Amino acid sequence: MSSFKNYKRNLSTGSEGSSVTVRFIGTGFAALGINQESCMISVSVDGQAVEKDYVFDRAGHREITYSLNGLSRGEHTAVITVLSGKYAVDYFEIYS
């Protein structure tokens, strides 16, 4: 282990065409990770597009890379798809 920044980490990285799915019970979620380059993603929740071309530059260790709140409380499925660049997810926080 090189530093505390990597302590108990499970960082997954995907490139163009990759996707990650999170199923949760709550009102929203935040994806956290580290991204060292700009990236474009699309996000759908329960089969409906909520972001088509979301772009962000960089994120440091365990910083929020995407956040959505305000859904009705209940079971939801969110899918984040990488449109360009590389996208890394360390974990998700669920909003209740």
Protein backbone atom coordinates (compact mmCIF):
# COMPACT_ATOMS: atom_id res chain seq x y z
CA MET A 1 0.00 0.00 0.00
CA SER A 2 1.51 3.29 -1.05
CA SER A 3 -0.50 5.64 1.20
CA PHE A 4 -3.66 6.15 3.19
CA LYS A 5 -5.29 7.42 -0.03
CA ASN A 6 -5.38 3.78 -1.13
CA TYR A 7 -6.48 2.26 2.20
CA LYS A 8 -9.45 -0.12 1.72
CA ARG A 9 -10.01 1.03 -1.85
CA ASN A 10 -11.85 -0.77 -4.58
CA LEU A 11 -11.38 1.56 -7.53
CA SER A 12 -12.90 0.44 -10.84
CA THR A 13 -12.09 2.26 -14.08
CA GLY A 14 -13.93 2.09 -17.38
CA SER A 15 -13.36 3.64 -20.79
CA GLU A 16 -15.68 4.56 -23.67
CA GLY A 17 -18.64 2.16 -23.84
CA SER A 18 -18.22 0.86 -20.27
CA SER A 19 -21.02 1.22 -17.75
CA VAL A 20 -21.64 0.76 -14.06
CA THR A 21 -25.02 -0.04 -12.50
CA VAL A 22 -26.08 0.75 -8.95
CA ARG A 23 -29.34 -0.43 -7.40
CA PHE A 24 -30.44 1.41 -4.29
CA ILE A 25 -33.30 2.38 -2.02
CA GLY A 26 -33.36 6.12 -1.38
CA THR A 27 -33.81 9.52 -3.01
CA GLY A 28 -30.51 9.72 -4.90
CA PHE A 29 -26.84 8.86 -4.99
CA ALA A 30 -23.34 10.20 -5.38
CA ALA A 31 -20.54 8.43 -7.24
CA LEU A 32 -17.08 8.98 -5.75
CA GLY A 33 -13.67 8.21 -7.13
CA ILE A 34 -10.66 9.81 -8.77
CA ASN A 35 -10.38 10.97 -12.36
CA GLN A 36 -7.14 12.38 -13.68
CA GLU A 37 -8.56 13.47 -17.03
CA SER A 38 -11.77 14.93 -18.39
CA CYS A 39 -14.61 12.53 -19.05
CA MET A 40 -18.10 12.54 -20.55
CA ILE A 41 -20.82 10.26 -19.16
CA SER A 42 -24.52 9.65 -19.58
CA VAL A 43 -26.76 8.72 -16.65
CA SER A 44 -30.11 6.98 -16.63
CA VAL A 45 -32.33 6.20 -13.66
CA ASP A 46 -35.06 3.59 -13.88
CA GLY A 47 -34.62 3.48 -17.65
CA GLN A 48 -35.01 7.25 -18.16
CA ALA A 49 -32.12 9.48 -19.26
CA VAL A 50 -31.29 12.16 -16.69
CA GLU A 51 -27.92 13.27 -18.16
CA LYS A 52 -26.97 12.83 -21.81
CA ASP A 53 -23.57 14.52 -22.09
CA TYR A 54 -22.34 15.26 -18.56
CA VAL A 55 -18.72 16.48 -18.66
CA PHE A 56 -16.33 17.06 -15.79
CA ASP A 57 -12.63 17.82 -15.75
CA ARG A 58 -10.92 16.13 -12.83
CA ALA A 59 -11.66 14.77 -9.39
CA GLY A 60 -9.25 14.10 -6.55
CA HIS A 61 -9.14 11.06 -4.30
CA ARG A 62 -12.63 10.05 -3.13
CA GLU A 63 -14.28 13.19 -4.51
CA ILE A 64 -17.82 13.26 -5.90
CA THR A 65 -17.76 12.80 -9.66
CA TYR A 66 -21.54 12.74 -10.12
CA SER A 67 -24.49 13.38 -7.81
CA LEU A 68 -28.26 13.14 -8.22
CA ASN A 69 -30.86 13.84 -5.55
CA GLY A 70 -34.59 14.53 -5.44
CA LEU A 71 -35.96 11.20 -6.61
CA SER A 72 -39.03 9.81 -4.89
CA ARG A 73 -37.96 7.59 -2.00
CA GLY A 74 -37.95 3.98 -3.17
CA GLU A 75 -36.07 1.37 -5.17
CA HIS A 76 -34.11 2.72 -8.13
CA THR A 77 -31.56 1.52 -10.68
CA ALA A 78 -29.00 3.99 -12.03
CA VAL A 79 -26.69 3.31 -14.97
CA ILE A 80 -23.64 5.48 -15.70
CA THR A 81 -22.16 4.98 -19.18
CA VAL A 82 -18.80 6.36 -20.29
CA LEU A 83 -19.11 8.29 -23.55
CA SER A 84 -15.47 9.48 -23.76
CA GLY A 85 -12.37 9.44 -21.60
CA LYS A 86 -11.95 7.21 -18.56
CA TYR A 87 -14.29 7.15 -15.56
CA ALA A 88 -13.31 5.73 -12.17
CA VAL A 89 -15.68 4.80 -9.33
CA ASP A 90 -14.50 3.99 -5.84
CA TYR A 91 -17.90 3.78 -4.14
CA PHE A 92 -21.43 5.17 -4.05
CA GLU A 93 -23.16 7.13 -1.30
CA ILE A 94 -26.94 6.72 -1.16
CA TYR A 95 -29.20 9.59 -0.12
CA SER A 96 -32.22 8.70 1.96
